[in-house]
């Protein structure tokens, strides 16, 4: 699995990331203060590329994959929701979107700092 990103995504990440921060691709809103309860079984389908300190990462984020931004953490079990080749890019509505191999995974990729 690999994620590439366009220049606007790289600029957004660079503006948020500190030296020891890591990147996390979350698909079900399960990290951070607004994350879903751990006993929830609903898939929210809110893809977020998160910049955070490694100590904020919970044990459920047990997988990684490579990107042109560096290593990205994810849930190993959640990789079924990702494509082997993904692209994070700016969209026409001044936000970001996540493309898979030939299909749009989300038109509203959140890029945020926790």
PDB file of N, CA and C in Angstrom:
ATOM      1  N   UNK A   1       0.835  -1.166   0.000  1.00  0.00           N
ATOM      2  CA  UNK A   1       0.000   0.000   0.000  1.00  0.00           C
ATOM      3  C   UNK A   1       0.887   1.240   0.000  1.00  0.00           C
ATOM      4  N   UNK A   2       0.463   2.247  -0.753  1.00  0.00           N
ATOM      5  CA  UNK A   2       1.249   3.481  -0.863  1.00  0.00           C
ATOM      6  C   UNK A   2       0.299   4.657  -1.063  1.00  0.00           C
ATOM      7  N   UNK A   3       0.634   5.761  -0.428  1.00  0.00           N
ATOM      8  CA  UNK A   3      -0.115   6.999  -0.589  1.00  0.00           C
ATOM      9  C   UNK A   3       0.807   8.043  -1.189  1.00  0.00           C
ATOM     10  N   UNK A   4       0.352   8.694  -2.239  1.00  0.00           N
ATOM     11  CA  UNK A   4       1.056   9.850  -2.781  1.00  0.00           C
ATOM     12  C   UNK A   4       0.177  11.073  -2.531  1.00  0.00           C
ATOM     13  N   UNK A   5       0.774  12.232  -2.596  1.00  0.00           N
ATOM     14  CA  UNK A   5       0.017  13.441  -2.319  1.00  0.00           C
ATOM     15  C   UNK A   5       0.470  14.579  -3.224  1.00  0.00           C
ATOM     16  N   UNK A   6      -0.450  15.500  -3.486  1.00  0.00           N
ATOM     17  CA  UNK A   6      -0.089  16.641  -4.318  1.00  0.00           C
ATOM     18  C   UNK A   6       0.559  17.737  -3.465  1.00  0.00           C
ATOM     19  N   UNK A   7       0.990  18.792  -4.098  1.00  0.00           N
ATOM     20  CA  UNK A   7       1.749  19.854  -3.422  1.00  0.00           C
ATOM     21  C   UNK A   7       0.935  20.535  -2.329  1.00  0.00           C
ATOM     22  N   UNK A   8      -0.351  20.745  -2.546  1.00  0.00           N
ATOM     23  CA  UNK A   8      -1.181  21.419  -1.533  1.00  0.00           C
ATOM     24  C   UNK A   8      -1.317  20.573  -0.269  1.00  0.00           C
ATOM     25  N   UNK A   9      -1.420  19.265  -0.422  1.00  0.00           N
ATOM     26  CA  UNK A   9      -1.466  18.375   0.739  1.00  0.00           C
ATOM     27  C   UNK A   9      -0.136  18.433   1.481  1.00  0.00           C
ATOM     28  N   UNK A  10       0.963  18.387   0.734  1.00  0.00           N
ATOM     29  CA  UNK A  10       2.288  18.460   1.357  1.00  0.00           C
ATOM     30  C   UNK A  10       2.469  19.763   2.127  1.00  0.00           C
ATOM     31  N   UNK A  11       1.978  20.866   1.577  1.00  0.00           N
ATOM     32  CA  UNK A  11       2.080  22.157   2.245  1.00  0.00           C
ATOM     33  C   UNK A  11       1.236  22.199   3.517  1.00  0.00           C
ATOM     34  N   UNK A  12       0.046  21.628   3.451  1.00  0.00           N
ATOM     35  CA  UNK A  12      -0.839  21.588   4.623  1.00  0.00           C
ATOM     36  C   UNK A  12      -0.196  20.768   5.745  1.00  0.00           C
ATOM     37  N   UNK A  13       0.338  19.594   5.409  1.00  0.00           N
ATOM     38  CA  UNK A  13       0.998  18.737   6.401  1.00  0.00           C
ATOM     39  C   UNK A  13       2.225  19.449   6.986  1.00  0.00           C
ATOM     40  N   UNK A  14       3.027  20.070   6.136  1.00  0.00           N
ATOM     41  CA  UNK A  14       4.234  20.774   6.595  1.00  0.00           C
ATOM     42  C   UNK A  14       3.884  21.890   7.575  1.00  0.00           C
ATOM     43  N   UNK A  15       2.749  22.535   7.372  1.00  0.00           N
ATOM     44  CA  UNK A  15       2.319  23.605   8.266  1.00  0.00           C
ATOM     45  C   UNK A  15       1.830  23.111   9.622  1.00  0.00           C
ATOM     46  N   UNK A  16       1.471  21.839   9.710  1.00  0.00           N
ATOM     47  CA  UNK A  16       0.946  21.269  10.947  1.00  0.00           C
ATOM     48  C   UNK A  16       1.962  20.436  11.717  1.00  0.00           C
ATOM     49  N   UNK A  17       2.911  19.854  11.003  1.00  0.00           N
ATOM     50  CA  UNK A  17       3.785  18.828  11.578  1.00  0.00           C
ATOM     51  C   UNK A  17       5.000  19.418  12.286  1.00  0.00           C
ATOM     52  N   UNK A  18       5.219  18.936  13.514  1.00  0.00           N
ATOM     53  CA  UNK A  18       6.437  19.252  14.253  1.00  0.00           C
ATOM     54  C   UNK A  18       7.428  18.109  14.052  1.00  0.00           C
ATOM     55  N   UNK A  19       8.643  18.292  14.502  1.00  0.00           N
ATOM     56  CA  UNK A  19       9.731  17.356  14.215  1.00  0.00           C
ATOM     57  C   UNK A  19       9.426  15.903  14.564  1.00  0.00           C
ATOM     58  N   UNK A  20       8.841  15.632  15.709  1.00  0.00           N
ATOM     59  CA  UNK A  20       8.614  14.253  16.137  1.00  0.00           C
ATOM     60  C   UNK A  20       7.188  13.763  15.929  1.00  0.00           C
ATOM     61  N   UNK A  21       6.365  14.529  15.233  1.00  0.00           N
ATOM     62  CA  UNK A  21       4.989  14.109  14.979  1.00  0.00           C
ATOM     63  C   UNK A  21       4.946  12.960  13.983  1.00  0.00           C
ATOM     64  N   UNK A  22       3.862  12.211  14.048  1.00  0.00           N
ATOM     65  CA  UNK A  22       3.610  11.113  13.116  1.00  0.00           C
ATOM     66  C   UNK A  22       2.332  11.396  12.340  1.00  0.00           C
ATOM     67  N   UNK A  23       2.102  10.611  11.289  1.00  0.00           N
ATOM     68  CA  UNK A  23       0.881  10.711  10.493  1.00  0.00           C
ATOM     69  C   UNK A  23       0.034   9.469  10.708  1.00  0.00           C
ATOM     70  N   UNK A  24      -1.272   9.675  10.780  1.00  0.00           N
ATOM     71  CA  UNK A  24      -2.227   8.589  10.978  1.00  0.00           C
ATOM     72  C   UNK A  24      -3.340   8.751   9.957  1.00  0.00           C
ATOM     73  N   UNK A  25      -3.717   7.660   9.291  1.00  0.00           N
ATOM     74  CA  UNK A  25      -4.899   7.671   8.428  1.00  0.00           C
ATOM     75  C   UNK A  25      -5.993   6.939   9.185  1.00  0.00           C
ATOM     76  N   UNK A  26      -6.996   7.680   9.585  1.00  0.00           N
ATOM     77  CA  UNK A  26      -8.124   7.169  10.360  1.00  0.00           C
ATOM     78  C   UNK A  26      -9.347   7.162   9.450  1.00  0.00           C
ATOM     79  N   UNK A  27     -10.104   6.101   9.488  1.00  0.00           N
ATOM     80  CA  UNK A  27     -11.282   6.018   8.622  1.00  0.00           C
ATOM     81  C   UNK A  27     -12.594   5.994   9.388  1.00  0.00           C
ATOM     82  N   UNK A  28     -12.545   5.843  10.702  1.00  0.00           N
ATOM     83  CA  UNK A  28     -13.798   5.709  11.447  1.00  0.00           C
ATOM     84  C   UNK A  28     -13.868   6.603  12.678  1.00  0.00           C
ATOM     85  N   UNK A  29     -13.158   7.723  12.633  1.00  0.00           N
ATOM     86  CA  UNK A  29     -13.237   8.735  13.687  1.00  0.00           C
ATOM     87  C   UNK A  29     -12.948   8.144  15.063  1.00  0.00           C
ATOM     88  N   UNK A  30     -11.862   7.362  15.158  1.00  0.00           N
ATOM     89  CA  UNK A  30     -11.600   6.665  16.419  1.00  0.00           C
ATOM     90  C   UNK A  30     -10.369   7.165  17.162  1.00  0.00           C
ATOM     91  N   UNK A  31      -9.817   8.309  16.765  1.00  0.00           N
ATOM     92  CA  UNK A  31      -8.671   8.862  17.487  1.00  0.00           C
ATOM     93  C   UNK A  31      -8.950  10.323  17.802  1.00  0.00           C
ATOM     94  N   UNK A  32      -8.564  10.736  18.992  1.00  0.00           N
ATOM     95  CA  UNK A  32      -8.756  12.127  19.398  1.00  0.00           C
ATOM     96  C   UNK A  32      -9.931  12.292  20.341  1.00  0.00           C
ATOM     97  N   UNK A  33     -10.091  13.514  20.846  1.00  0.00           N
ATOM     98  CA  UNK A  33     -11.141  13.810  21.821  1.00  0.00           C
ATOM     99  C   UNK A  33     -12.544  13.635  21.267  1.00  0.00           C
ATOM    100  N   UNK A  34     -12.712  13.818  19.964  1.00  0.00           N
ATOM    101  CA  UNK A  34     -14.039  13.684  19.367  1.00  0.00           C
ATOM    102  C   UNK A  34     -14.265  12.301  18.782  1.00  0.00           C
ATOM    103  N   UNK A  35     -13.349  11.393  19.019  1.00  0.00           N
ATOM    104  CA  UNK A  35     -13.463  10.039  18.463  1.00  0.00           C
ATOM    105  C   UNK A  35     -14.672   9.303  18.993  1.00  0.00           C
ATOM    106  N   UNK A  36     -15.100   8.316  18.223  1.00  0.00           N
ATOM    107  CA  UNK A  36     -16.276   7.538  18.607  1.00  0.00           C
ATOM    108  C   UNK A  36     -15.953   6.685  19.827  1.00  0.00           C
ATOM    109  N   UNK A  37     -16.957   6.296  20.589  1.00  0.00           N
ATOM    110  CA  UNK A  37     -16.710   5.408  21.729  1.00  0.00           C
ATOM    111  C   UNK A  37     -16.110   4.089  21.268  1.00  0.00           C
ATOM    112  N   UNK A  38     -15.234   3.513  22.064  1.00  0.00           N
ATOM    113  CA  UNK A  38     -14.557   2.273  21.696  1.00  0.00           C
ATOM    114  C   UNK A  38     -15.524   1.114  21.512  1.00  0.00           C
ATOM    115  N   UNK A  39     -16.690   1.153  22.159  1.00  0.00           N
ATOM    116  CA  UNK A  39     -17.633   0.046  22.023  1.00  0.00           C
ATOM    117  C   UNK A  39     -18.609   0.234  20.863  1.00  0.00           C
ATOM    118  N   UNK A  40     -18.425   1.291  20.099  1.00  0.00           N
ATOM    119  CA  UNK A  40     -19.275   1.534  18.933  1.00  0.00           C
ATOM    120  C   UNK A  40     -18.859   0.618  17.784  1.00  0.00           C
ATOM    121  N   UNK A  41     -19.829   0.105  17.058  1.00  0.00           N
ATOM    122  CA  UNK A  41     -19.492  -0.778  15.945  1.00  0.00           C
ATOM    123  C   UNK A  41     -19.837  -0.161  14.591  1.00  0.00           C
ATOM    124  N   UNK A  42     -20.341   1.046  14.579  1.00  0.00           N
ATOM    125  CA  UNK A  42     -20.699   1.693  13.319  1.00  0.00           C
ATOM    126  C   UNK A  42     -19.458   2.242  12.630  1.00  0.00           C
ATOM    127  N   UNK A  43     -19.418   2.111  11.325  1.00  0.00           N
ATOM    128  CA  UNK A  43     -18.335   2.706  10.556  1.00  0.00           C
ATOM    129  C   UNK A  43     -18.790   4.085  10.102  1.00  0.00           C
ATOM    130  N   UNK A  44     -18.099   5.100  10.558  1.00  0.00           N
ATOM    131  CA  UNK A  44     -18.478   6.470  10.277  1.00  0.00           C
ATOM    132  C   UNK A  44     -18.052   6.877   8.877  1.00  0.00           C
ATOM    133  N   UNK A  45     -17.020   6.264   8.355  1.00  0.00           N
ATOM    134  CA  UNK A  45     -16.490   6.556   7.031  1.00  0.00           C
ATOM    135  C   UNK A  45     -16.081   8.016   6.878  1.00  0.00           C
ATOM    136  N   UNK A  46     -15.354   8.502   7.858  1.00  0.00           N
ATOM    137  CA  UNK A  46     -14.791   9.844   7.806  1.00  0.00           C
ATOM    138  C   UNK A  46     -13.280   9.701   7.754  1.00  0.00           C
ATOM    139  N   UNK A  47     -12.736   9.736   6.550  1.00  0.00           N
ATOM    140  CA  UNK A  47     -11.289   9.606   6.399  1.00  0.00           C
ATOM    141  C   UNK A  47     -10.611  10.878   6.878  1.00  0.00           C
ATOM    142  N   UNK A  48      -9.616  10.699   7.751  1.00  0.00           N
ATOM    143  CA  UNK A  48      -8.850  11.835   8.262  1.00  0.00           C
ATOM    144  C   UNK A  48      -7.373  11.491   8.210  1.00  0.00           C
ATOM    145  N   UNK A  49      -6.580  12.408   7.704  1.00  0.00           N
ATOM    146  CA  UNK A  49      -5.131  12.311   7.758  1.00  0.00           C
ATOM    147  C   UNK A  49      -4.718  13.207   8.920  1.00  0.00           C
ATOM    148  N   UNK A  50      -4.223  12.561   9.975  1.00  0.00           N
ATOM    149  CA  UNK A  50      -4.000  13.251  11.239  1.00  0.00           C
ATOM    150  C   UNK A  50      -2.509  13.378  11.524  1.00  0.00           C
ATOM    151  N   UNK A  51      -2.114  14.572  11.949  1.00  0.00           N
ATOM    152  CA  UNK A  51      -0.759  14.838  12.426  1.00  0.00           C
ATOM    153  C   UNK A  51      -0.860  14.855  13.944  1.00  0.00           C
ATOM    154  N   UNK A  52      -0.063  14.014  14.613  1.00  0.00           N
ATOM    155  CA  UNK A  52      -0.161  13.931  16.065  1.00  0.00           C
ATOM    156  C   UNK A  52       1.151  13.449  16.669  1.00  0.00           C
ATOM    157  N   UNK A  53       1.264  13.587  17.973  1.00  0.00           N
ATOM    158  CA  UNK A  53       2.409  13.028  18.698  1.00  0.00           C
ATOM    159  C   UNK A  53       2.203  11.522  18.829  1.00  0.00           C
ATOM    160  N   UNK A  54       3.277  10.770  18.783  1.00  0.00           N
ATOM    161  CA  UNK A  54       3.178   9.307  18.835  1.00  0.00           C
ATOM    162  C   UNK A  54       2.475   8.832  20.104  1.00  0.00           C
ATOM    163  N   UNK A  55       2.608   9.537  21.201  1.00  0.00           N
ATOM    164  CA  UNK A  55       1.958   9.108  22.441  1.00  0.00           C
ATOM    165  C   UNK A  55       0.432   9.191  22.379  1.00  0.00           C
ATOM    166  N   UNK A  56      -0.123   9.874  21.398  1.00  0.00           N
ATOM    167  CA  UNK A  56      -1.576   9.921  21.220  1.00  0.00           C
ATOM    168  C   UNK A  56      -2.113   8.694  20.493  1.00  0.00           C
ATOM    169  N   UNK A  57      -1.231   7.913  19.935  1.00  0.00           N
ATOM    170  CA  UNK A  57      -1.628   6.733  19.168  1.00  0.00           C
ATOM    171  C   UNK A  57      -2.050   5.610  20.105  1.00  0.00           C
ATOM    172  N   UNK A  58      -3.205   5.021  19.858  1.00  0.00           N
ATOM    173  CA  UNK A  58      -3.671   3.903  20.678  1.00  0.00           C
ATOM    174  C   UNK A  58      -3.230   2.582  20.051  1.00  0.00           C
ATOM    175  N   UNK A  59      -3.323   1.517  20.816  1.00  0.00           N
ATOM    176  CA  UNK A  59      -2.877   0.191  20.370  1.00  0.00           C
ATOM    177  C   UNK A  59      -3.612  -0.305  19.126  1.00  0.00           C
ATOM    178  N   UNK A  60      -4.815   0.178  18.890  1.00  0.00           N
ATOM    179  CA  UNK A  60      -5.571  -0.301  17.731  1.00  0.00           C
ATOM    180  C   UNK A  60      -4.942   0.141  16.401  1.00  0.00           C
ATOM    181  N   UNK A  61      -4.066   1.136  16.433  1.00  0.00           N
ATOM    182  CA  UNK A  61      -3.363   1.574  15.230  1.00  0.00           C
ATOM    183  C   UNK A  61      -2.073   0.772  15.108  1.00  0.00           C
ATOM    184  N   UNK A  62      -2.233  -0.464  14.670  1.00  0.00           N
ATOM    185  CA  UNK A  62      -1.148  -1.450  14.666  1.00  0.00           C
ATOM    186  C   UNK A  62      -0.563  -1.723  13.286  1.00  0.00           C
ATOM    187  N   UNK A  63      -0.976  -0.963  12.289  1.00  0.00           N
ATOM    188  CA  UNK A  63      -0.463  -1.142  10.934  1.00  0.00           C
ATOM    189  C   UNK A  63       0.221   0.122  10.441  1.00  0.00           C
ATOM    190  N   UNK A  64       1.017  -0.027   9.402  1.00  0.00           N
ATOM    191  CA  UNK A  64       1.659   1.126   8.765  1.00  0.00           C
ATOM    192  C   UNK A  64       1.703   0.892   7.261  1.00  0.00           C
ATOM    193  N   UNK A  65       1.908   1.965   6.538  1.00  0.00           N
ATOM    194  CA  UNK A  65       2.198   1.889   5.112  1.00  0.00           C
ATOM    195  C   UNK A  65       3.015   3.113   4.728  1.00  0.00           C
ATOM    196  N   UNK A  66       3.608   3.052   3.568  1.00  0.00           N
ATOM    197  CA  UNK A  66       4.514   4.113   3.116  1.00  0.00           C
ATOM    198  C   UNK A  66       3.770   5.176   2.317  1.00  0.00           C
ATOM    199  N   UNK A  67       4.355   6.361   2.324  1.00  0.00           N
ATOM    200  CA  UNK A  67       3.827   7.466   1.529  1.00  0.00           C
ATOM    201  C   UNK A  67       4.973   8.410   1.188  1.00  0.00           C
ATOM    202  N   UNK A  68       4.689   9.354   0.312  1.00  0.00           N
ATOM    203  CA  UNK A  68       5.699  10.367   0.008  1.00  0.00           C
ATOM    204  C   UNK A  68       5.798  11.405   1.131  1.00  0.00           C
ATOM    205  N   UNK A  69       4.998  11.238   2.172  1.00  0.00           N
ATOM    206  CA  UNK A  69       5.064  12.082   3.366  1.00  0.00           C
ATOM    207  C   UNK A  69       5.779  11.380   4.511  1.00  0.00           C
ATOM    208  N   UNK A  70       6.149  10.123   4.313  1.00  0.00           N
ATOM    209  CA  UNK A  70       6.755   9.299   5.357  1.00  0.00           C
ATOM    210  C   UNK A  70       5.819   8.167   5.743  1.00  0.00           C
ATOM    211  N   UNK A  71       6.163   7.463   6.819  1.00  0.00           N
ATOM    212  CA  UNK A  71       5.349   6.342   7.290  1.00  0.00           C
ATOM    213  C   UNK A  71       4.022   6.861   7.827  1.00  0.00           C
ATOM    214  N   UNK A  72       2.947   6.143   7.500  1.00  0.00           N
ATOM    215  CA  UNK A  72       1.616   6.492   7.991  1.00  0.00           C
ATOM    216  C   UNK A  72       1.078   5.312   8.789  1.00  0.00           C
ATOM    217  N   UNK A  73       0.590   5.599   9.987  1.00  0.00           N
ATOM    218  CA  UNK A  73      -0.010   4.581  10.844  1.00  0.00           C
ATOM    219  C   UNK A  73      -1.494   4.432  10.511  1.00  0.00           C
ATOM    220  N   UNK A  74      -1.997   3.217  10.686  1.00  0.00           N
ATOM    221  CA  UNK A  74      -3.409   2.931  10.449  1.00  0.00           C
ATOM    222  C   UNK A  74      -3.772   1.677  11.242  1.00  0.00           C
ATOM    223  N   UNK A  75      -5.028   1.325  11.203  1.00  0.00           N
ATOM    224  CA  UNK A  75      -5.456   0.060  11.783  1.00  0.00           C
ATOM    225  C   UNK A  75      -5.201  -1.027  10.748  1.00  0.00           C
ATOM    226  N   UNK A  76      -4.506  -2.063  11.135  1.00  0.00           N
ATOM    227  CA  UNK A  76      -4.233  -3.167  10.216  1.00  0.00           C
ATOM    228  C   UNK A  76      -5.549  -3.737   9.676  1.00  0.00           C
ATOM    229  N   UNK A  77      -6.529  -3.897  10.545  1.00  0.00           N
ATOM    230  CA  UNK A  77      -7.820  -4.447  10.124  1.00  0.00           C
ATOM    231  C   UNK A  77      -8.574  -3.502   9.191  1.00  0.00           C
ATOM    232  N   UNK A  78      -8.254  -2.218   9.231  1.00  0.00           N
ATOM    233  CA  UNK A  78      -8.923  -1.236   8.389  1.00  0.00           C
ATOM    234  C   UNK A  78      -8.363  -1.108   6.994  1.00  0.00           C
ATOM    235  N   UNK A  79      -7.273  -1.812   6.718  1.00  0.00           N
ATOM    236  CA  UNK A  79      -6.671  -1.715   5.382  1.00  0.00           C
ATOM    237  C   UNK A  79      -7.608  -2.203   4.278  1.00  0.00           C
ATOM    238  N   UNK A  80      -8.636  -2.956   4.639  1.00  0.00           N
ATOM    239  CA  UNK A  80      -9.606  -3.399   3.625  1.00  0.00           C
ATOM    240  C   UNK A  80     -10.378  -2.219   3.037  1.00  0.00           C
ATOM    241  N   UNK A  81     -10.387  -1.079   3.739  1.00  0.00           N
ATOM    242  CA  UNK A  81     -11.087   0.108   3.249  1.00  0.00           C
ATOM    243  C   UNK A  81     -10.206   0.998   2.379  1.00  0.00           C
ATOM    244  N   UNK A  82      -8.926   0.653   2.275  1.00  0.00           N
ATOM    245  CA  UNK A  82      -7.980   1.438   1.496  1.00  0.00           C
ATOM    246  C   UNK A  82      -7.648   0.704   0.203  1.00  0.00           C
ATOM    247  N   UNK A  83      -7.060   1.413  -0.741  1.00  0.00           N
ATOM    248  CA  UNK A  83      -6.582   0.811  -1.982  1.00  0.00           C
ATOM    249  C   UNK A  83      -5.066   0.685  -1.922  1.00  0.00           C
ATOM    250  N   UNK A  84      -4.528  -0.190  -2.750  1.00  0.00           N
ATOM    251  CA  UNK A  84      -3.068  -0.356  -2.796  1.00  0.00           C
ATOM    252  C   UNK A  84      -2.363   0.925  -3.206  1.00  0.00           C
ATOM    253  N   UNK A  85      -2.974   1.676  -4.110  1.00  0.00           N
ATOM    254  CA  UNK A  85      -2.418   2.957  -4.559  1.00  0.00           C
ATOM    255  C   UNK A  85      -3.460   4.042  -4.285  1.00  0.00           C
ATOM    256  N   UNK A  86      -3.116   4.970  -3.405  1.00  0.00           N
ATOM    257  CA  UNK A  86      -4.031   6.061  -3.064  1.00  0.00           C
ATOM    258  C   UNK A  86      -3.336   7.396  -3.317  1.00  0.00           C
ATOM    259  N   UNK A  87      -4.146   8.421  -3.533  1.00  0.00           N
ATOM    260  CA  UNK A  87      -3.623   9.754  -3.774  1.00  0.00           C
ATOM    261  C   UNK A  87      -4.456  10.762  -2.990  1.00  0.00           C
ATOM    262  N   UNK A  88      -3.799  11.521  -2.125  1.00  0.00           N
ATOM    263  CA  UNK A  88      -4.439  12.629  -1.414  1.00  0.00           C
ATOM    264  C   UNK A  88      -4.176  13.880  -2.234  1.00  0.00           C
ATOM    265  N   UNK A  89      -5.232  14.599  -2.552  1.00  0.00           N
ATOM    266  CA  UNK A  89      -5.070  15.766  -3.429  1.00  0.00           C
ATOM    267  C   UNK A  89      -6.066  16.857  -3.077  1.00  0.00           C
ATOM    268  N   UNK A  90      -5.756  18.058  -3.530  1.00  0.00           N
ATOM    269  CA  UNK A  90      -6.674  19.165  -3.336  1.00  0.00           C
ATOM    270  C   UNK A  90      -7.869  18.966  -4.267  1.00  0.00           C
ATOM    271  N   UNK A  91      -9.005  19.486  -3.840  1.00  0.00           N
ATOM    272  CA  UNK A  91     -10.219  19.332  -4.641  1.00  0.00           C
ATOM    273  C   UNK A  91     -10.728  20.686  -5.098  1.00  0.00           C
ATOM    274  N   UNK A  92     -11.686  20.671  -5.971  1.00  0.00           N
ATOM    275  CA  UNK A  92     -12.213  21.913  -6.545  1.00  0.00           C
ATOM    276  C   UNK A  92     -12.982  22.756  -5.531  1.00  0.00           C
ATOM    277  N   UNK A  93     -13.358  22.170  -4.391  1.00  0.00           N
ATOM    278  CA  UNK A  93     -14.085  22.937  -3.367  1.00  0.00           C
ATOM    279  C   UNK A  93     -13.144  23.479  -2.289  1.00  0.00           C
ATOM    280  N   UNK A  94     -11.851  23.571  -2.604  1.00  0.00           N
ATOM    281  CA  UNK A  94     -10.819  24.117  -1.719  1.00  0.00           C
ATOM    282  C   UNK A  94     -10.550  23.235  -0.506  1.00  0.00           C
ATOM    283  N   UNK A  95     -10.957  21.992  -0.578  1.00  0.00           N
ATOM    284  CA  UNK A  95     -10.659  21.021   0.467  1.00  0.00           C
ATOM    285  C   UNK A  95      -9.712  19.975  -0.086  1.00  0.00           C
ATOM    286  N   UNK A  96      -9.823  18.773   0.444  1.00  0.00           N
ATOM    287  CA  UNK A  96      -8.976  17.668   0.015  1.00  0.00           C
ATOM    288  C   UNK A  96      -9.831  16.431  -0.210  1.00  0.00           C
ATOM    289  N   UNK A  97      -9.362  15.557  -1.079  1.00  0.00           N
ATOM    290  CA  UNK A  97     -10.059  14.304  -1.338  1.00  0.00           C
ATOM    291  C   UNK A  97      -9.047  13.170  -1.392  1.00  0.00           C
ATOM    292  N   UNK A  98      -9.546  11.961  -1.199  1.00  0.00           N
ATOM    293  CA  UNK A  98      -8.706  10.779  -1.229  1.00  0.00           C
ATOM    294  C   UNK A  98      -9.170   9.880  -2.363  1.00  0.00           C
ATOM    295  N   UNK A  99      -8.268   9.685  -3.314  1.00  0.00           N
ATOM    296  CA  UNK A  99      -8.566   8.835  -4.474  1.00  0.00           C
ATOM    297  C   UNK A  99      -7.958   7.456  -4.271  1.00  0.00           C
ATOM    298  N   UNK A 100      -8.674   6.457  -4.726  1.00  0.00           N
ATOM    299  CA  UNK A 100      -8.137   5.112  -4.781  1.00  0.00           C
ATOM    300  C   UNK A 100      -7.694   4.827  -6.198  1.00  0.00           C
ATOM    301  N   UNK A 101      -7.501   3.585  -6.515  1.00  0.00           N
ATOM    302  CA  UNK A 101      -7.110   3.183  -7.864  1.00  0.00           C
ATOM    303  C   UNK A 101      -8.333   3.262  -8.775  1.00  0.00           C
ATOM    304  N   UNK A 102      -8.595   4.443  -9.294  1.00  0.00           N
ATOM    305  CA  UNK A 102      -9.702   4.620 -10.224  1.00  0.00           C
ATOM    306  C   UNK A 102     -11.014   5.029  -9.597  1.00  0.00           C
ATOM    307  N   UNK A 103     -11.059   5.180  -8.280  1.00  0.00           N
ATOM    308  CA  UNK A 103     -12.315   5.583  -7.648  1.00  0.00           C
ATOM    309  C   UNK A 103     -12.050   6.560  -6.515  1.00  0.00           C
ATOM    310  N   UNK A 104     -13.046   7.338  -6.208  1.00  0.00           N
ATOM    311  CA  UNK A 104     -12.967   8.314  -5.131  1.00  0.00           C
ATOM    312  C   UNK A 104     -13.319   7.625  -3.818  1.00  0.00           C
ATOM    313  N   UNK A 105     -12.383   7.593  -2.865  1.00  0.00           N
ATOM    314  CA  UNK A 105     -12.650   6.998  -1.555  1.00  0.00           C
ATOM    315  C   UNK A 105     -13.417   7.959  -0.666  1.00  0.00           C
ATOM    316  N   UNK A 106     -13.067   9.252  -0.732  1.00  0.00           N
ATOM    317  CA  UNK A 106     -13.838  10.277  -0.030  1.00  0.00           C
ATOM    318  C   UNK A 106     -13.623  11.629  -0.705  1.00  0.00           C
ATOM    319  N   UNK A 107     -14.699  12.404  -0.876  1.00  0.00           N
ATOM    320  CA  UNK A 107     -14.565  13.742  -1.440  1.00  0.00           C
ATOM    321  C   UNK A 107     -14.196  14.776  -0.375  1.00  0.00           C
ATOM    322  N   UNK A 108     -14.107  14.333   0.887  1.00  0.00           N
ATOM    323  CA  UNK A 108     -13.879  15.264   1.988  1.00  0.00           C
ATOM    324  C   UNK A 108     -12.850  14.695   2.956  1.00  0.00           C
ATOM    325  N   UNK A 109     -11.598  14.636   2.529  1.00  0.00           N
ATOM    326  CA  UNK A 109     -10.508  14.165   3.389  1.00  0.00           C
ATOM    327  C   UNK A 109     -10.140  15.293   4.360  1.00  0.00           C
ATOM    328  N   UNK A 110     -10.271  15.036   5.632  1.00  0.00           N
ATOM    329  CA  UNK A 110      -9.875  16.013   6.647  1.00  0.00           C
ATOM    330  C   UNK A 110      -8.373  15.850   6.906  1.00  0.00           C
ATOM    331  N   UNK A 111      -7.671  16.954   6.964  1.00  0.00           N
ATOM    332  CA  UNK A 111      -6.254  16.959   7.346  1.00  0.00           C
ATOM    333  C   UNK A 111      -6.169  17.851   8.573  1.00  0.00           C
ATOM    334  N   UNK A 112      -5.819  17.248   9.711  1.00  0.00           N
ATOM    335  CA  UNK A 112      -5.876  18.002  10.950  1.00  0.00           C
ATOM    336  C   UNK A 112      -4.789  17.601  11.926  1.00  0.00           C
ATOM    337  N   UNK A 113      -4.585  18.441  12.900  1.00  0.00           N
ATOM    338  CA  UNK A 113      -3.602  18.238  13.966  1.00  0.00           C
ATOM    339  C   UNK A 113      -4.339  17.878  15.242  1.00  0.00           C
ATOM    340  N   UNK A 114      -3.855  16.847  15.916  1.00  0.00           N
ATOM    341  CA  UNK A 114      -4.402  16.493  17.242  1.00  0.00           C
ATOM    342  C   UNK A 114      -3.353  16.746  18.288  1.00  0.00           C
TER     343      UNK A 114
END
